[in-house]
Protein backbone atom coordinates (compact mmCIF):
# COMPACT_ATOMS: atom_id res chain seq x y z
CA MET A 1 -16.69 -25.75 -9.92
CA SER A 2 -18.73 -26.69 -13.00
CA HIS A 3 -18.98 -24.43 -16.02
CA HIS A 4 -21.94 -22.58 -14.50
CA PHE A 5 -21.62 -22.97 -10.71
CA PHE A 6 -18.97 -22.68 -8.01
CA GLU A 7 -18.61 -23.05 -4.25
CA GLY A 8 -18.84 -19.79 -2.37
CA TYR A 9 -20.32 -18.07 0.65
CA CYS A 10 -23.67 -16.35 1.09
CA PHE A 11 -24.77 -14.25 4.06
CA ASP A 12 -27.69 -15.79 5.96
CA GLY A 13 -29.68 -12.85 7.33
CA ALA A 14 -31.63 -14.98 9.80
CA LYS A 15 -28.54 -16.64 11.29
CA LYS A 16 -26.36 -13.51 10.92
CA GLN A 17 -23.49 -15.53 9.47
CA TRP A 18 -21.84 -16.53 6.22
CA ILE A 19 -22.67 -20.03 4.98
CA LYS A 20 -20.89 -22.13 2.38
CA THR A 21 -23.08 -22.99 -0.58
CA THR A 22 -23.17 -23.63 -4.33
CA LEU A 23 -23.78 -20.48 -6.34
CA PRO A 24 -24.21 -19.56 -10.00
CA LEU A 25 -21.39 -17.68 -11.66
CA PRO A 26 -21.49 -14.00 -10.69
CA ASN A 27 -22.57 -11.26 -13.06
CA VAL A 28 -19.79 -9.00 -11.76
CA ILE A 29 -16.79 -9.41 -9.46
CA TYR A 30 -15.77 -6.68 -7.01
CA ASN A 31 -12.30 -7.36 -5.64
CA ARG A 32 -11.87 -6.49 -1.96
CA TYR A 33 -8.89 -8.68 -1.07
CA PRO A 34 -7.14 -6.55 1.59
CA GLY A 35 -3.55 -7.73 1.12
CA ARG A 36 -1.26 -7.94 -1.88
CA LYS A 37 0.05 -11.42 -1.07
CA SER A 38 -3.39 -12.95 -0.51
CA GLU A 39 -4.66 -11.23 -3.63
CA ILE A 40 -1.95 -12.65 -5.86
CA LYS A 41 -2.40 -16.15 -4.45
CA LYS A 42 -6.20 -16.25 -4.62
CA LEU A 43 -6.89 -14.27 -7.76
CA THR A 44 -4.51 -16.19 -9.99
CA SER A 45 -6.78 -19.20 -9.59
CA LEU A 46 -9.94 -17.11 -9.96
CA HIS A 47 -8.75 -15.52 -13.19
CA GLN A 48 -8.25 -18.98 -14.65
CA LYS A 49 -11.74 -20.12 -13.61
CA ILE A 50 -13.54 -17.18 -15.20
CA LYS A 51 -11.31 -16.89 -18.25
CA GLY A 52 -13.36 -16.41 -21.40
CA LYS A 53 -16.63 -15.92 -19.51
CA HIS A 54 -16.67 -12.12 -19.99
CA ILE A 55 -17.47 -11.35 -16.34
CA PRO A 56 -16.70 -7.70 -15.45
CA PHE A 57 -13.96 -7.66 -12.81
CA PHE A 58 -13.24 -4.29 -11.23
CA ASN A 59 -10.54 -3.19 -8.83
CA SER A 60 -8.74 -6.27 -10.10
CA ALA A 61 -5.42 -5.43 -8.39
CA PHE A 62 -3.64 -2.99 -6.12
CA PHE A 63 -2.06 -0.01 -7.83
CA SER A 64 1.71 0.08 -8.17
CA LYS A 65 2.77 3.18 -6.21
CA TRP A 66 5.68 3.79 -8.56
CA LYS A 67 3.62 3.32 -11.71
CA VAL A 68 0.97 5.73 -10.42
CA TYR A 69 3.64 8.34 -9.68
CA GLN A 70 5.12 7.95 -13.15
CA LEU A 71 1.68 8.30 -14.77
CA PHE A 72 0.65 11.32 -12.72
CA SER A 73 4.00 13.08 -13.09
CA LYS A 74 3.46 13.15 -16.87
CA ASP A 75 0.07 14.83 -16.56
CA PRO A 76 0.25 18.65 -16.75
CA ILE A 77 -2.48 19.11 -14.12
CA LEU A 78 -1.50 16.42 -11.62
CA SER A 79 2.29 16.80 -11.76
CA SER A 80 2.38 20.07 -9.80
CA HIS A 81 0.53 18.42 -6.89
CA LEU A 82 2.98 15.55 -6.33
CA PRO A 83 5.81 15.50 -3.80
CA LYS A 84 9.11 14.65 -5.45
CA THR A 85 9.35 10.87 -5.38
CA TYR A 86 12.24 8.49 -6.08
CA ARG A 87 12.57 4.74 -6.32
CA LEU A 88 15.02 3.39 -3.77
CA THR A 89 17.91 1.51 -5.39
CA PRO A 90 21.34 0.51 -4.05
CA GLU A 91 22.84 3.28 -6.20
CA ILE A 92 20.70 6.18 -4.99
CA ASP A 93 22.47 8.80 -2.87
CA ILE A 94 20.25 9.34 0.18
CA ALA A 95 22.64 11.91 1.66
CA LYS A 96 22.24 14.14 -1.40
CA LEU A 97 18.46 13.77 -1.27
CA LEU A 98 18.49 14.85 2.38
CA GLN A 99 20.58 17.88 1.47
CA LYS A 100 18.02 18.75 -1.19
CA HIS A 101 14.81 18.11 0.76
CA SER A 102 15.92 18.03 4.45
CA SER A 103 13.15 15.53 5.29
CA LEU A 104 12.13 12.35 3.47
CA TYR A 105 9.47 9.67 3.83
CA PHE A 106 10.38 6.06 3.03
CA LYS A 107 7.35 4.02 1.93
CA PRO A 108 7.32 0.29 1.10
CA ILE A 109 6.20 -0.17 -2.49
CA ASN A 110 3.93 -3.10 -1.64
CA SER A 111 2.30 -2.05 1.62
CA SER A 112 -0.84 -0.25 2.71
CA LYS A 113 -2.43 1.38 5.78
CA GLY A 114 0.83 3.11 6.68
CA ALA A 115 2.72 -0.12 7.38
CA GLY A 116 6.51 0.13 7.22
CA ILE A 117 6.70 3.90 6.70
CA PHE A 118 9.52 5.85 8.33
CA ARG A 119 10.99 9.34 8.01
CA LEU A 120 14.53 10.65 7.90
CA SER A 121 15.29 14.30 8.65
CA SER A 122 18.59 16.14 8.75
CA HIS A 123 19.06 18.63 11.57
CA LYS A 124 22.40 20.37 12.02
CA HIS A 125 24.88 17.49 12.35
CA THR A 126 22.41 14.72 13.14
CA ILE A 127 20.00 12.47 11.25
CA ILE A 128 16.63 11.92 12.90
CA TYR A 129 14.93 8.58 12.27
CA GLN A 130 11.24 8.22 13.12
CA ASP A 131 8.68 5.48 12.59
CA HIS A 132 5.40 4.59 14.32
CA LYS A 133 7.16 3.27 17.42
CA ARG A 134 10.31 5.26 17.99
CA LYS A 135 12.29 8.40 17.28
CA GLU A 136 16.09 8.36 17.41
CA GLU A 137 19.01 10.60 16.52
CA PHE A 138 22.08 9.31 14.68
CA SER A 139 25.40 10.89 13.89
CA SER A 140 25.37 9.69 10.28
CA LEU A 141 23.40 7.69 7.74
CA LYS A 142 25.90 4.85 8.08
CA ALA A 143 24.67 4.25 11.63
CA ILE A 144 21.13 3.53 10.41
CA ASP A 145 20.14 0.14 9.02
CA LEU A 146 18.29 1.34 5.91
CA PRO A 147 16.57 -0.80 3.25
CA ARG A 148 18.15 -0.81 -0.17
CA SER A 149 15.16 -1.65 -2.36
CA ALA A 150 11.36 -2.17 -2.51
CA TYR A 151 10.80 1.34 -1.14
CA LEU A 152 9.85 4.72 -2.52
CA ILE A 153 11.41 7.89 -1.15
CA GLN A 154 9.06 10.84 -0.99
CA GLU A 155 9.82 14.47 -0.24
CA ALA A 156 8.21 15.47 3.08
CA ILE A 157 5.78 18.36 2.62
CA GLU A 158 5.16 20.75 5.49
CA THR A 159 1.38 20.75 5.73
CA GLN A 160 -1.10 23.11 7.32
CA PRO A 161 -2.04 22.03 10.86
CA PHE A 162 -5.47 22.00 12.43
CA LYS A 163 -5.49 22.57 16.20
CA ASP A 164 -1.69 22.10 16.18
CA ARG A 165 -1.91 18.64 14.61
CA ARG A 166 -1.19 17.47 11.08
CA TYR A 167 -4.17 16.25 9.08
CA ASP A 168 -4.89 14.56 5.78
CA LEU A 169 -7.92 14.57 3.53
CA ARG A 170 -9.10 11.02 2.79
CA ILE A 171 -11.18 11.22 -0.37
CA LEU A 172 -13.41 8.38 -1.58
CA ALA A 173 -14.11 8.43 -5.33
CA HIS A 174 -16.29 6.41 -7.71
CA HIS A 175 -16.95 6.21 -11.42
CA LYS A 176 -20.33 7.70 -12.34
CA ASP A 177 -21.40 8.08 -15.95
CA SER A 178 -18.31 9.45 -17.72
CA ARG A 179 -16.75 11.13 -14.66
CA TYR A 180 -15.18 10.25 -11.33
CA VAL A 181 -17.05 11.82 -8.43
CA ILE A 182 -16.35 12.30 -4.74
CA SER A 183 -18.43 10.09 -2.46
CA GLY A 184 -17.07 11.77 0.65
CA VAL A 185 -14.10 13.45 2.31
CA GLY A 186 -12.82 12.34 5.71
CA ILE A 187 -10.41 14.21 7.99
CA ARG A 188 -7.64 12.17 9.62
CA HIS A 189 -5.42 13.70 12.31
CA SER A 190 -2.02 12.35 13.24
CA PRO A 191 -1.20 11.66 16.87
CA TYR A 192 1.15 14.27 18.26
CA GLN A 193 4.65 13.82 16.79
CA SER A 194 3.46 10.93 14.60
CA ILE A 195 4.50 10.42 10.98
CA THR A 196 1.12 9.29 9.58
CA THR A 197 -2.57 9.94 10.18
CA HIS A 198 -3.77 6.33 9.85
CA THR A 199 -6.23 5.43 12.60
CA LEU A 200 -4.58 1.99 12.87
CA ASN A 201 -1.47 3.82 14.05
CA GLY A 202 -3.22 6.10 16.53
CA GLY A 203 -4.70 8.68 14.18
CA SER A 204 -8.08 10.25 14.91
CA ILE A 205 -11.11 11.47 12.96
CA SER A 206 -12.78 14.87 12.76
CA PRO A 207 -16.01 15.80 10.96
CA PHE A 208 -15.41 17.29 7.53
CA GLN A 209 -17.57 20.23 8.60
CA ASP A 210 -14.80 21.33 10.98
CA LEU A 211 -12.56 22.13 8.01
CA GLU A 212 -15.04 22.60 5.19
CA ASP A 213 -14.41 26.34 4.96
CA GLU A 214 -10.68 25.67 4.51
CA VAL A 215 -11.10 23.18 1.68
CA ASP A 216 -11.58 24.05 -1.99
CA THR A 217 -14.18 21.41 -2.84
CA SER A 218 -14.48 22.64 -6.44
CA PHE A 219 -10.75 22.05 -6.98
CA LEU A 220 -10.93 18.63 -5.32
CA SER A 221 -13.84 17.56 -7.54
CA SER A 222 -11.94 18.48 -10.69
CA PHE A 223 -8.69 16.96 -9.38
CA VAL A 224 -10.36 13.65 -8.47
CA ASN A 225 -11.91 13.36 -11.92
CA THR A 226 -8.54 13.99 -13.57
CA CYS A 227 -6.93 11.30 -11.39
CA GLY A 228 -9.60 8.81 -12.40
CA GLN A 229 -9.29 9.61 -16.10
CA VAL A 230 -5.52 9.06 -15.98
CA LEU A 231 -5.84 5.84 -13.95
CA GLN A 232 -8.39 4.27 -16.28
CA LYS A 233 -6.01 4.62 -19.23
CA SER A 234 -3.45 2.31 -17.60
CA PHE A 235 -5.33 0.09 -15.15
CA PRO A 236 -8.26 -2.22 -16.01
CA LEU A 237 -11.79 -1.17 -15.04
CA VAL A 238 -11.06 1.48 -12.40
CA GLU A 239 -14.42 2.10 -10.73
CA GLU A 240 -13.34 3.06 -7.21
CA PHE A 241 -10.29 4.52 -5.48
CA SER A 242 -9.33 6.82 -2.65
CA LEU A 243 -6.79 9.62 -2.32
CA ASP A 244 -4.72 10.83 0.62
CA MET A 245 -4.15 14.57 0.24
CA ALA A 246 -3.20 17.61 2.31
CA LYS A 247 -2.61 21.31 1.90
CA SER A 248 0.89 22.73 2.35
CA VAL A 249 1.59 25.77 4.51
CA GLN A 250 1.77 27.74 1.23
CA GLY A 251 -1.78 26.62 0.36
CA GLN A 252 -0.84 24.11 -2.36
CA TYR A 253 -2.70 20.79 -2.43
CA TYR A 254 -0.49 17.68 -2.51
CA LEU A 255 -1.38 14.08 -3.31
CA PHE A 256 0.47 11.52 -1.17
CA GLU A 257 -1.23 8.22 -1.98
CA VAL A 258 -3.74 6.62 -4.34
CA ASN A 259 -5.49 3.48 -3.09
CA ALA A 260 -7.25 0.95 -5.29
CA LYS A 261 -8.83 -0.71 -2.24
CA PRO A 262 -10.16 2.09 -0.03
CA MET A 263 -10.41 1.23 3.64
CA ILE A 264 -13.88 1.23 5.20
CA PHE A 265 -14.70 4.79 6.22
CA ASP A 266 -15.83 5.26 9.82
CA GLU A 267 -18.08 8.11 8.72
CA THR A 268 -21.49 6.51 8.09
CA ASP A 269 -22.55 9.12 5.53
CA ILE A 270 -19.42 8.57 3.42
CA GLN A 271 -19.71 4.79 3.56
CA THR A 272 -23.42 4.95 2.69
CA GLN A 273 -22.85 7.23 -0.29
CA GLY A 274 -20.00 5.02 -1.45
CA ALA A 275 -22.22 1.93 -1.20
CA LYS A 276 -24.87 3.63 -3.34
CA HIS A 277 -22.29 4.38 -6.01
CA ILE A 278 -20.99 0.79 -5.87
CA CYS A 279 -24.54 -0.55 -6.39
CA ASN A 280 -24.98 1.73 -9.41
CA ILE A 281 -21.65 0.48 -10.76
CA PHE A 282 -22.94 -3.11 -10.41
CA TYR A 283 -26.06 -2.18 -12.38
CA LYS A 284 -23.99 -0.47 -15.06
CA LEU A 285 -21.51 -3.34 -15.50
CA THR A 286 -24.22 -6.02 -15.56
CA LYS A 287 -26.59 -3.93 -17.73
CA PHE A 288 -29.48 -4.83 -15.42
CA LEU A 289 -31.08 -1.44 -15.95
CA ASP A 290 -30.71 -1.33 -19.73
């Protein structure tokens, strides 16, 4: 790459394929690397190449799940909507946590899309282990091969069902003017007896209209904006994120996950609205419309 050009790929509309070509330096960079390992490897080199060129770079890295929890737990509005969360260390007493919460989710700190999640529940004199593939009962924690680090432990919240199945709200948010706004809300159902609602693990989709009367959209709009305001104080150039939320059986909204790299939404209207907001963000960061 010279000082003003680099090798990249451009989509050829006539051939319907990406072609390798020489391109001028971009006016803005939108990071969509899907994996943490590939991101670290590729972006280290990219950061060096654009250093000092003042190119806006948004969604520059995945969020740290633990850092986000620490930030949100200090906010007076957000803290009451978080399940109790702990960082797994060799010293932590899982048995005591199970006595306190009865059911716990174990989430890898550096994973996404529901990968590696499992749940432990205590029932009478047994411990129930469940992941995406199996469900087993054990007589004690010692009989289970548990990780000792690189995981978060999250209190399991009993959520309101819809048609006898657990569901989450997947909320896509973007920065617009001085606020963070909702581009769309998707409904994700878990398979029966499953621990997550991710479609990659068998989850399914319902139209938001099916549950619209049950959802406080005014609260969600305010909540999403607060999340964005807190995130932008600690992470560079937060212009887009998504939230995984649900309502407890008591009617309290809980936030389970914040994603810096939202997955593509299957709902065309949500994806279209999100794309419009992304284009406006490009214009804002490049000052093309000034």
